[in-house]
Amino acid sequence: MTVYIDPPTWPGHGRLWSHLVSDVSYDELHLFADELGVPRRAFERDHYDIPSHRYADAVAAGAVEVRSREVVRLLTEAGLRRPKGRAQRPSS
């Protein structure tokens, strides 16, 4: 299982956030997030939002650190990208 995380540089709700993604499937991503203790409500379209204070936990659990552009590339090449404003498929 390989999941990826970008640096916590995205502001929101008074803190910085990272994006946690899989380049294989949403099932793989959900499994990793469950094992990390990330609530399902943190899943947004095609990624999990991870607060900066959990970044090191995700990396220690095996998430591979990548740049933010790489997150988008990985999702797009895997066919898992779900941009805002587009029809969504079920989150399996």
Protein backbone atom coordinates (compact mmCIF):
# COMPACT_ATOMS: atom_id res chain seq x y z
CA MET A 1 0.00 0.00 0.00
CA THR A 2 1.33 3.41 -0.96
CA VAL A 3 -0.40 6.63 -0.12
CA TYR A 4 1.00 10.12 -0.58
CA ILE A 5 0.86 13.35 1.41
CA ASP A 6 1.79 16.89 0.49
CA PRO A 7 3.21 19.47 2.92
CA PRO A 8 0.76 21.20 5.26
CA THR A 9 0.56 24.50 3.38
CA TRP A 10 -3.18 24.81 2.71
CA PRO A 11 -4.89 27.27 5.11
CA GLY A 12 -8.34 26.67 6.52
CA HIS A 13 -10.18 26.98 9.82
CA GLY A 14 -7.22 28.63 11.54
CA ARG A 15 -4.65 25.94 10.69
CA LEU A 16 -2.66 24.43 7.83
CA TRP A 17 -3.64 21.23 6.03
CA SER A 18 -2.13 18.49 3.88
CA HIS A 19 -3.81 16.26 1.33
CA LEU A 20 -3.58 12.48 1.69
CA VAL A 21 -4.18 10.52 -1.54
CA SER A 22 -3.82 7.11 -3.14
CA ASP A 23 -2.83 6.43 -6.71
CA VAL A 24 -4.50 2.99 -6.62
CA SER A 25 -8.02 3.28 -5.18
CA TYR A 26 -10.26 5.03 -2.71
CA ASP A 27 -10.48 1.72 -0.82
CA GLU A 28 -6.72 1.81 -0.23
CA LEU A 29 -6.94 5.43 0.88
CA HIS A 30 -9.84 4.76 3.28
CA LEU A 31 -8.01 1.77 4.78
CA PHE A 32 -4.89 3.84 5.44
CA ALA A 33 -6.94 6.68 6.92
CA ASP A 34 -8.87 4.24 9.13
CA GLU A 35 -5.63 2.73 10.42
CA LEU A 36 -4.33 6.24 11.12
CA GLY A 37 -7.54 7.12 12.97
CA VAL A 38 -8.59 9.83 10.53
CA PRO A 39 -12.38 10.29 10.57
CA ARG A 40 -14.26 9.67 7.31
CA ARG A 41 -15.64 13.23 7.48
CA ALA A 42 -12.09 14.41 6.56
CA PHE A 43 -12.53 12.80 3.10
CA GLU A 44 -13.26 15.40 0.42
CA ARG A 45 -13.99 14.17 -3.13
CA ASP A 46 -10.63 12.44 -3.80
CA HIS A 47 -8.43 13.06 -0.76
CA TYR A 48 -8.32 13.34 3.01
CA ASP A 49 -7.57 16.69 4.60
CA ILE A 50 -4.93 16.13 7.27
CA PRO A 51 -4.18 18.88 9.82
CA SER A 52 -0.54 19.90 10.18
CA HIS A 53 -0.25 18.37 13.65
CA ARG A 54 -1.02 14.91 12.12
CA TYR A 55 1.42 15.21 9.21
CA ALA A 56 4.27 13.43 11.00
CA ASP A 57 1.88 10.67 12.09
CA ALA A 58 0.88 10.02 8.48
CA VAL A 59 4.52 9.92 7.34
CA ALA A 60 5.46 7.61 10.23
CA ALA A 61 2.59 5.30 9.19
CA GLY A 62 4.03 5.08 5.67
CA ALA A 63 2.66 8.00 3.65
CA VAL A 64 5.17 9.15 1.05
CA GLU A 65 5.95 12.86 1.10
CA VAL A 66 5.41 14.59 -2.26
CA ARG A 67 4.92 18.14 -3.53
CA SER A 68 1.38 19.43 -3.98
CA ARG A 69 1.65 19.30 -7.76
CA GLU A 70 2.57 15.65 -7.50
CA VAL A 71 -0.66 14.93 -5.59
CA VAL A 72 -2.72 16.26 -8.50
CA ARG A 73 -0.62 14.37 -11.05
CA LEU A 74 -0.95 11.08 -9.15
CA LEU A 75 -4.71 11.42 -8.84
CA THR A 76 -5.15 12.41 -12.47
CA GLU A 77 -2.98 9.61 -13.88
CA ALA A 78 -4.80 7.06 -11.70
CA GLY A 79 -8.20 8.31 -12.90
CA LEU A 80 -9.13 9.21 -9.31
CA ARG A 81 -9.21 13.02 -9.61
CA ARG A 82 -12.58 14.55 -8.72
CA PRO A 83 -12.36 18.32 -9.30
CA LYS A 84 -14.83 20.62 -7.58
CA GLY A 85 -18.00 21.30 -9.49
CA ARG A 86 -18.04 18.03 -11.41
CA ALA A 87 -20.44 15.14 -10.95
CA GLN A 88 -19.19 12.85 -8.23
CA ARG A 89 -19.01 9.08 -8.26
CA PRO A 90 -19.71 7.10 -5.09
CA SER A 91 -16.79 7.16 -2.61
CA SER A 92 -15.90 3.48 -2.54
